[in-house]
Each structure stands twice: as C-alpha cells, then as structure tokens.
C-alpha cells in the first residue's frame, strides 16, 4: 500500500515538473516574440531544469524498479 502511494506521488511530481517545464517553454516563446531576451533566457533555463528534473526522476525510479526484481 505504501509503495503504491509513493509511486503515485512520484508520478504526480514527474507530470507536474514536465507541465511546469512546458509552461516555461511557452513563456520563452512569448518573451522572444516580445523581444524580452533576458526573460526568455531565464524562462528557457527554468524550463530546461523542470523537464530535466522530470526525466532524471523517471530514470532514477526505473533503476529502483529493476533492483527489486
């Protein structure tokens, strides 16, 4: 039961990080359109970190799943 809740929580976090990263990438496009280059750079960096965090978390948990088998 605890493991299922933990897996569901991590799934929620991964999707949240990915969605948050996608929002930052859309914000980057809007900033470029407006000519706000510094804001575009900061938004792109934040989006990259969010999406990278989601990918790293996914890879980390694949290793945990394989170790238990």
PDB file of N, CA and C in Angstrom:
ATOM      1  N   UNK A   1       0.827  -1.198   0.000  1.00  0.00           N
ATOM      2  CA  UNK A   1       0.000   0.000   0.000  1.00  0.00           C
ATOM      3  C   UNK A   1       0.868   1.256   0.000  1.00  0.00           C
ATOM      4  N   UNK A   2       1.872   1.283   0.898  1.00  0.00           N
ATOM      5  CA  UNK A   2       2.745   2.454   0.980  1.00  0.00           C
ATOM      6  C   UNK A   2       3.509   2.649  -0.329  1.00  0.00           C
ATOM      7  N   UNK A   3       3.986   1.536  -0.918  1.00  0.00           N
ATOM      8  CA  UNK A   3       4.744   1.621  -2.169  1.00  0.00           C
ATOM      9  C   UNK A   3       3.862   2.175  -3.296  1.00  0.00           C
ATOM     10  N   UNK A   4       2.607   1.779  -3.335  1.00  0.00           N
ATOM     11  CA  UNK A   4       1.703   2.278  -4.371  1.00  0.00           C
ATOM     12  C   UNK A   4       1.474   3.776  -4.211  1.00  0.00           C
ATOM     13  N   UNK A   5       1.303   4.242  -2.986  1.00  0.00           N
ATOM     14  CA  UNK A   5       1.128   5.680  -2.745  1.00  0.00           C
ATOM     15  C   UNK A   5       2.383   6.448  -3.133  1.00  0.00           C
ATOM     16  N   UNK A   6       3.538   5.880  -2.803  1.00  0.00           N
ATOM     17  CA  UNK A   6       4.801   6.527  -3.138  1.00  0.00           C
ATOM     18  C   UNK A   6       4.975   6.622  -4.652  1.00  0.00           C
ATOM     19  N   UNK A   7       4.666   5.538  -5.363  1.00  0.00           N
ATOM     20  CA  UNK A   7       4.779   5.550  -6.818  1.00  0.00           C
ATOM     21  C   UNK A   7       3.815   6.558  -7.435  1.00  0.00           C
ATOM     22  N   UNK A   8       2.614   6.639  -6.919  1.00  0.00           N
ATOM     23  CA  UNK A   8       1.626   7.591  -7.419  1.00  0.00           C
ATOM     24  C   UNK A   8       2.088   9.023  -7.154  1.00  0.00           C
ATOM     25  N   UNK A   9       2.649   9.265  -5.988  1.00  0.00           N
ATOM     26  CA  UNK A   9       3.169  10.586  -5.654  1.00  0.00           C
ATOM     27  C   UNK A   9       4.288  10.989  -6.614  1.00  0.00           C
ATOM     28  N   UNK A  10       5.221  10.070  -6.870  1.00  0.00           N
ATOM     29  CA  UNK A  10       6.327  10.375  -7.773  1.00  0.00           C
ATOM     30  C   UNK A  10       5.830  10.577  -9.204  1.00  0.00           C
ATOM     31  N   UNK A  11       4.827   9.831  -9.606  1.00  0.00           N
ATOM     32  CA  UNK A  11       4.235  10.031 -10.928  1.00  0.00           C
ATOM     33  C   UNK A  11       3.629  11.424 -11.027  1.00  0.00           C
ATOM     34  N   UNK A  12       2.924  11.848  -9.999  1.00  0.00           N
ATOM     35  CA  UNK A  12       2.338  13.192  -9.958  1.00  0.00           C
ATOM     36  C   UNK A  12       3.424  14.272 -10.040  1.00  0.00           C
ATOM     37  N   UNK A  13       4.512  14.081  -9.304  1.00  0.00           N
ATOM     38  CA  UNK A  13       5.616  15.044  -9.316  1.00  0.00           C
ATOM     39  C   UNK A  13       6.255  15.111 -10.699  1.00  0.00           C
ATOM     40  N   UNK A  14       6.487  13.951 -11.322  1.00  0.00           N
ATOM     41  CA  UNK A  14       7.077  13.946 -12.665  1.00  0.00           C
ATOM     42  C   UNK A  14       6.196  14.695 -13.659  1.00  0.00           C
ATOM     43  N   UNK A  15       4.905  14.425 -13.652  1.00  0.00           N
ATOM     44  CA  UNK A  15       3.986  15.115 -14.568  1.00  0.00           C
ATOM     45  C   UNK A  15       3.920  16.595 -14.254  1.00  0.00           C
ATOM     46  N   UNK A  16       3.943  16.936 -12.972  1.00  0.00           N
ATOM     47  CA  UNK A  16       3.924  18.349 -12.588  1.00  0.00           C
ATOM     48  C   UNK A  16       5.170  19.078 -13.057  1.00  0.00           C
ATOM     49  N   UNK A  17       6.328  18.453 -12.895  1.00  0.00           N
ATOM     50  CA  UNK A  17       7.569  19.062 -13.368  1.00  0.00           C
ATOM     51  C   UNK A  17       7.557  19.224 -14.888  1.00  0.00           C
ATOM     52  N   UNK A  18       7.083  18.216 -15.586  1.00  0.00           N
ATOM     53  CA  UNK A  18       7.023  18.283 -17.040  1.00  0.00           C
ATOM     54  C   UNK A  18       6.079  19.376 -17.524  1.00  0.00           C
ATOM     55  N   UNK A  19       4.904  19.465 -16.905  1.00  0.00           N
ATOM     56  CA  UNK A  19       3.939  20.509 -17.286  1.00  0.00           C
ATOM     57  C   UNK A  19       4.487  21.892 -16.967  1.00  0.00           C
ATOM     58  N   UNK A  20       5.106  22.026 -15.826  1.00  0.00           N
ATOM     59  CA  UNK A  20       5.691  23.304 -15.434  1.00  0.00           C
ATOM     60  C   UNK A  20       6.790  23.702 -16.425  1.00  0.00           C
ATOM     61  N   UNK A  21       7.592  22.732 -16.841  1.00  0.00           N
ATOM     62  CA  UNK A  21       8.626  22.996 -17.833  1.00  0.00           C
ATOM     63  C   UNK A  21       8.036  23.417 -19.167  1.00  0.00           C
ATOM     64  N   UNK A  22       6.960  22.772 -19.585  1.00  0.00           N
ATOM     65  CA  UNK A  22       6.307  23.135 -20.850  1.00  0.00           C
ATOM     66  C   UNK A  22       5.749  24.557 -20.790  1.00  0.00           C
ATOM     67  N   UNK A  23       5.209  24.936 -19.655  1.00  0.00           N
ATOM     68  CA  UNK A  23       4.708  26.303 -19.484  1.00  0.00           C
ATOM     69  C   UNK A  23       5.858  27.300 -19.615  1.00  0.00           C
ATOM     70  N   UNK A  24       7.000  26.972 -19.029  1.00  0.00           N
ATOM     71  CA  UNK A  24       8.161  27.860 -19.152  1.00  0.00           C
ATOM     72  C   UNK A  24       8.619  27.980 -20.607  1.00  0.00           C
ATOM     73  N   UNK A  25       8.559  26.883 -21.351  1.00  0.00           N
ATOM     74  CA  UNK A  25       8.957  26.945 -22.753  1.00  0.00           C
ATOM     75  C   UNK A  25       7.992  27.808 -23.564  1.00  0.00           C
ATOM     76  N   UNK A  26       6.703  27.722 -23.268  1.00  0.00           N
ATOM     77  CA  UNK A  26       5.730  28.605 -23.928  1.00  0.00           C
ATOM     78  C   UNK A  26       5.989  30.058 -23.541  1.00  0.00           C
ATOM     79  N   UNK A  27       6.319  30.280 -22.292  1.00  0.00           N
ATOM     80  CA  UNK A  27       6.658  31.622 -21.825  1.00  0.00           C
ATOM     81  C   UNK A  27       7.906  32.143 -22.542  1.00  0.00           C
ATOM     82  N   UNK A  28       8.860  31.254 -22.793  1.00  0.00           N
ATOM     83  CA  UNK A  28      10.066  31.633 -23.533  1.00  0.00           C
ATOM     84  C   UNK A  28       9.706  32.120 -24.925  1.00  0.00           C
ATOM     85  N   UNK A  29       8.815  31.407 -25.600  1.00  0.00           N
ATOM     86  CA  UNK A  29       8.387  31.817 -26.943  1.00  0.00           C
ATOM     87  C   UNK A  29       7.718  33.191 -26.907  1.00  0.00           C
ATOM     88  N   UNK A  30       6.885  33.423 -25.909  1.00  0.00           N
ATOM     89  CA  UNK A  30       6.226  34.733 -25.784  1.00  0.00           C
ATOM     90  C   UNK A  30       7.246  35.831 -25.501  1.00  0.00           C
ATOM     91  N   UNK A  31       8.231  35.532 -24.678  1.00  0.00           N
ATOM     92  CA  UNK A  31       9.266  36.518 -24.376  1.00  0.00           C
ATOM     93  C   UNK A  31      10.097  36.848 -25.615  1.00  0.00           C
ATOM     94  N   UNK A  32      10.408  35.845 -26.409  1.00  0.00           N
ATOM     95  CA  UNK A  32      11.155  36.100 -27.648  1.00  0.00           C
ATOM     96  C   UNK A  32      10.325  36.965 -28.585  1.00  0.00           C
ATOM     97  N   UNK A  33       9.048  36.642 -28.707  1.00  0.00           N
ATOM     98  CA  UNK A  33       8.144  37.430 -29.555  1.00  0.00           C
ATOM     99  C   UNK A  33       8.115  38.897 -29.120  1.00  0.00           C
ATOM    100  N   UNK A  34       8.131  39.123 -27.809  1.00  0.00           N
ATOM    101  CA  UNK A  34       8.083  40.488 -27.269  1.00  0.00           C
ATOM    102  C   UNK A  34       9.450  41.160 -27.270  1.00  0.00           C
ATOM    103  N   UNK A  35      10.506  40.415 -27.537  1.00  0.00           N
ATOM    104  CA  UNK A  35      11.847  40.975 -27.527  1.00  0.00           C
ATOM    105  C   UNK A  35      12.460  41.068 -26.143  1.00  0.00           C
ATOM    106  N   UNK A  36      11.914  40.347 -25.194  1.00  0.00           N
ATOM    107  CA  UNK A  36      12.421  40.341 -23.819  1.00  0.00           C
ATOM    108  C   UNK A  36      13.450  39.214 -23.705  1.00  0.00           C
ATOM    109  N   UNK A  37      14.665  39.487 -24.149  1.00  0.00           N
ATOM    110  CA  UNK A  37      15.678  38.452 -24.283  1.00  0.00           C
ATOM    111  C   UNK A  37      16.167  37.907 -22.954  1.00  0.00           C
ATOM    112  N   UNK A  38      16.334  38.748 -21.969  1.00  0.00           N
ATOM    113  CA  UNK A  38      16.794  38.256 -20.661  1.00  0.00           C
ATOM    114  C   UNK A  38      15.723  37.362 -20.036  1.00  0.00           C
ATOM    115  N   UNK A  39      14.483  37.797 -20.089  1.00  0.00           N
ATOM    116  CA  UNK A  39      13.391  36.968 -19.563  1.00  0.00           C
ATOM    117  C   UNK A  39      13.275  35.665 -20.340  1.00  0.00           C
ATOM    118  N   UNK A  40      13.500  35.717 -21.647  1.00  0.00           N
ATOM    119  CA  UNK A  40      13.451  34.498 -22.464  1.00  0.00           C
ATOM    120  C   UNK A  40      14.535  33.518 -22.021  1.00  0.00           C
ATOM    121  N   UNK A  41      15.726  34.039 -21.782  1.00  0.00           N
ATOM    122  CA  UNK A  41      16.815  33.172 -21.334  1.00  0.00           C
ATOM    123  C   UNK A  41      16.540  32.540 -19.982  1.00  0.00           C
ATOM    124  N   UNK A  42      16.014  33.341 -19.072  1.00  0.00           N
ATOM    125  CA  UNK A  42      15.695  32.814 -17.740  1.00  0.00           C
ATOM    126  C   UNK A  42      14.570  31.783 -17.807  1.00  0.00           C
ATOM    127  N   UNK A  43      13.564  32.052 -18.617  1.00  0.00           N
ATOM    128  CA  UNK A  43      12.446  31.106 -18.763  1.00  0.00           C
ATOM    129  C   UNK A  43      12.907  29.809 -19.409  1.00  0.00           C
ATOM    130  N   UNK A  44      13.766  29.917 -20.423  1.00  0.00           N
ATOM    131  CA  UNK A  44      14.277  28.712 -21.079  1.00  0.00           C
ATOM    132  C   UNK A  44      15.099  27.880 -20.101  1.00  0.00           C
ATOM    133  N   UNK A  45      15.921  28.540 -19.304  1.00  0.00           N
ATOM    134  CA  UNK A  45      16.731  27.838 -18.305  1.00  0.00           C
ATOM    135  C   UNK A  45      15.832  27.131 -17.287  1.00  0.00           C
ATOM    136  N   UNK A  46      14.821  27.827 -16.793  1.00  0.00           N
ATOM    137  CA  UNK A  46      13.902  27.225 -15.822  1.00  0.00           C
ATOM    138  C   UNK A  46      13.142  26.055 -16.445  1.00  0.00           C
ATOM    139  N   UNK A  47      12.712  26.209 -17.687  1.00  0.00           N
ATOM    140  CA  UNK A  47      12.011  25.122 -18.369  1.00  0.00           C
ATOM    141  C   UNK A  47      12.895  23.906 -18.540  1.00  0.00           C
ATOM    142  N   UNK A  48      14.151  24.154 -18.918  1.00  0.00           N
ATOM    143  CA  UNK A  48      15.101  23.051 -19.057  1.00  0.00           C
ATOM    144  C   UNK A  48      15.284  22.317 -17.732  1.00  0.00           C
ATOM    145  N   UNK A  49      15.430  23.060 -16.636  1.00  0.00           N
ATOM    146  CA  UNK A  49      15.607  22.432 -15.321  1.00  0.00           C
ATOM    147  C   UNK A  49      14.395  21.591 -14.928  1.00  0.00           C
ATOM    148  N   UNK A  50      13.206  22.103 -15.195  1.00  0.00           N
ATOM    149  CA  UNK A  50      11.992  21.360 -14.832  1.00  0.00           C
ATOM    150  C   UNK A  50      11.884  20.058 -15.624  1.00  0.00           C
ATOM    151  N   UNK A  51      12.092  20.141 -16.933  1.00  0.00           N
ATOM    152  CA  UNK A  51      11.970  18.950 -17.766  1.00  0.00           C
ATOM    153  C   UNK A  51      13.100  17.966 -17.456  1.00  0.00           C
ATOM    154  N   UNK A  52      14.297  18.477 -17.222  1.00  0.00           N
ATOM    155  CA  UNK A  52      15.417  17.605 -16.849  1.00  0.00           C
ATOM    156  C   UNK A  52      15.130  16.905 -15.518  1.00  0.00           C
ATOM    157  N   UNK A  53      14.543  17.630 -14.575  1.00  0.00           N
ATOM    158  CA  UNK A  53      14.185  17.023 -13.290  1.00  0.00           C
ATOM    159  C   UNK A  53      13.187  15.893 -13.453  1.00  0.00           C
ATOM    160  N   UNK A  54      12.216  16.089 -14.332  1.00  0.00           N
ATOM    161  CA  UNK A  54      11.226  15.040 -14.585  1.00  0.00           C
ATOM    162  C   UNK A  54      11.893  13.822 -15.213  1.00  0.00           C
ATOM    163  N   UNK A  55      12.800  14.039 -16.157  1.00  0.00           N
ATOM    164  CA  UNK A  55      13.490  12.924 -16.821  1.00  0.00           C
ATOM    165  C   UNK A  55      14.429  12.200 -15.869  1.00  0.00           C
ATOM    166  N   UNK A  56      15.149  12.943 -15.055  1.00  0.00           N
ATOM    167  CA  UNK A  56      16.063  12.322 -14.099  1.00  0.00           C
ATOM    168  C   UNK A  56      15.283  11.499 -13.082  1.00  0.00           C
ATOM    169  N   UNK A  57      14.159  12.025 -12.602  1.00  0.00           N
ATOM    170  CA  UNK A  57      13.349  11.294 -11.634  1.00  0.00           C
ATOM    171  C   UNK A  57      12.826  10.000 -12.258  1.00  0.00           C
ATOM    172  N   UNK A  58      12.417  10.054 -13.518  1.00  0.00           N
ATOM    173  CA  UNK A  58      11.917   8.866 -14.199  1.00  0.00           C
ATOM    174  C   UNK A  58      13.020   7.816 -14.318  1.00  0.00           C
ATOM    175  N   UNK A  59      14.211   8.221 -14.735  1.00  0.00           N
ATOM    176  CA  UNK A  59      15.317   7.283 -14.872  1.00  0.00           C
ATOM    177  C   UNK A  59      15.729   6.708 -13.517  1.00  0.00           C
ATOM    178  N   UNK A  60      15.713   7.532 -12.491  1.00  0.00           N
ATOM    179  CA  UNK A  60      16.068   7.075 -11.144  1.00  0.00           C
ATOM    180  C   UNK A  60      15.128   5.970 -10.689  1.00  0.00           C
ATOM    181  N   UNK A  61      13.849   6.131 -10.950  1.00  0.00           N
ATOM    182  CA  UNK A  61      12.879   5.144 -10.481  1.00  0.00           C
ATOM    183  C   UNK A  61      12.850   3.902 -11.346  1.00  0.00           C
ATOM    184  N   UNK A  62      13.297   3.991 -12.587  1.00  0.00           N
ATOM    185  CA  UNK A  62      13.446   2.773 -13.393  1.00  0.00           C
ATOM    186  C   UNK A  62      14.517   1.882 -12.784  1.00  0.00           C
ATOM    187  N   UNK A  63      15.604   2.493 -12.297  1.00  0.00           N
ATOM    188  CA  UNK A  63      16.670   1.714 -11.656  1.00  0.00           C
ATOM    189  C   UNK A  63      16.171   1.060 -10.382  1.00  0.00           C
ATOM    190  N   UNK A  64      15.348   1.765  -9.597  1.00  0.00           N
ATOM    191  CA  UNK A  64      14.795   1.189  -8.366  1.00  0.00           C
ATOM    192  C   UNK A  64      13.887   0.005  -8.689  1.00  0.00           C
ATOM    193  N   UNK A  65      13.081   0.129  -9.738  1.00  0.00           N
ATOM    194  CA  UNK A  65      12.176  -0.956 -10.109  1.00  0.00           C
ATOM    195  C   UNK A  65      12.938  -2.201 -10.545  1.00  0.00           C
ATOM    196  N   UNK A  66      14.039  -2.011 -11.262  1.00  0.00           N
ATOM    197  CA  UNK A  66      14.821  -3.144 -11.742  1.00  0.00           C
ATOM    198  C   UNK A  66      15.631  -3.798 -10.616  1.00  0.00           C
ATOM    199  N   UNK A  67      16.019  -3.039  -9.599  1.00  0.00           N
ATOM    200  CA  UNK A  67      16.820  -3.574  -8.497  1.00  0.00           C
ATOM    201  C   UNK A  67      16.005  -4.542  -7.640  1.00  0.00           C
ATOM    202  N   UNK A  68      14.706  -4.336  -7.565  1.00  0.00           N
ATOM    203  CA  UNK A  68      13.866  -5.183  -6.733  1.00  0.00           C
ATOM    204  C   UNK A  68      13.511  -6.513  -7.366  1.00  0.00           C
ATOM    205  N   UNK A  69      13.876  -6.712  -8.607  1.00  0.00           N
ATOM    206  CA  UNK A  69      13.497  -7.939  -9.315  1.00  0.00           C
ATOM    207  C   UNK A  69      14.609  -8.939  -9.352  1.00  0.00           C
TER     208      UNK A  69
END
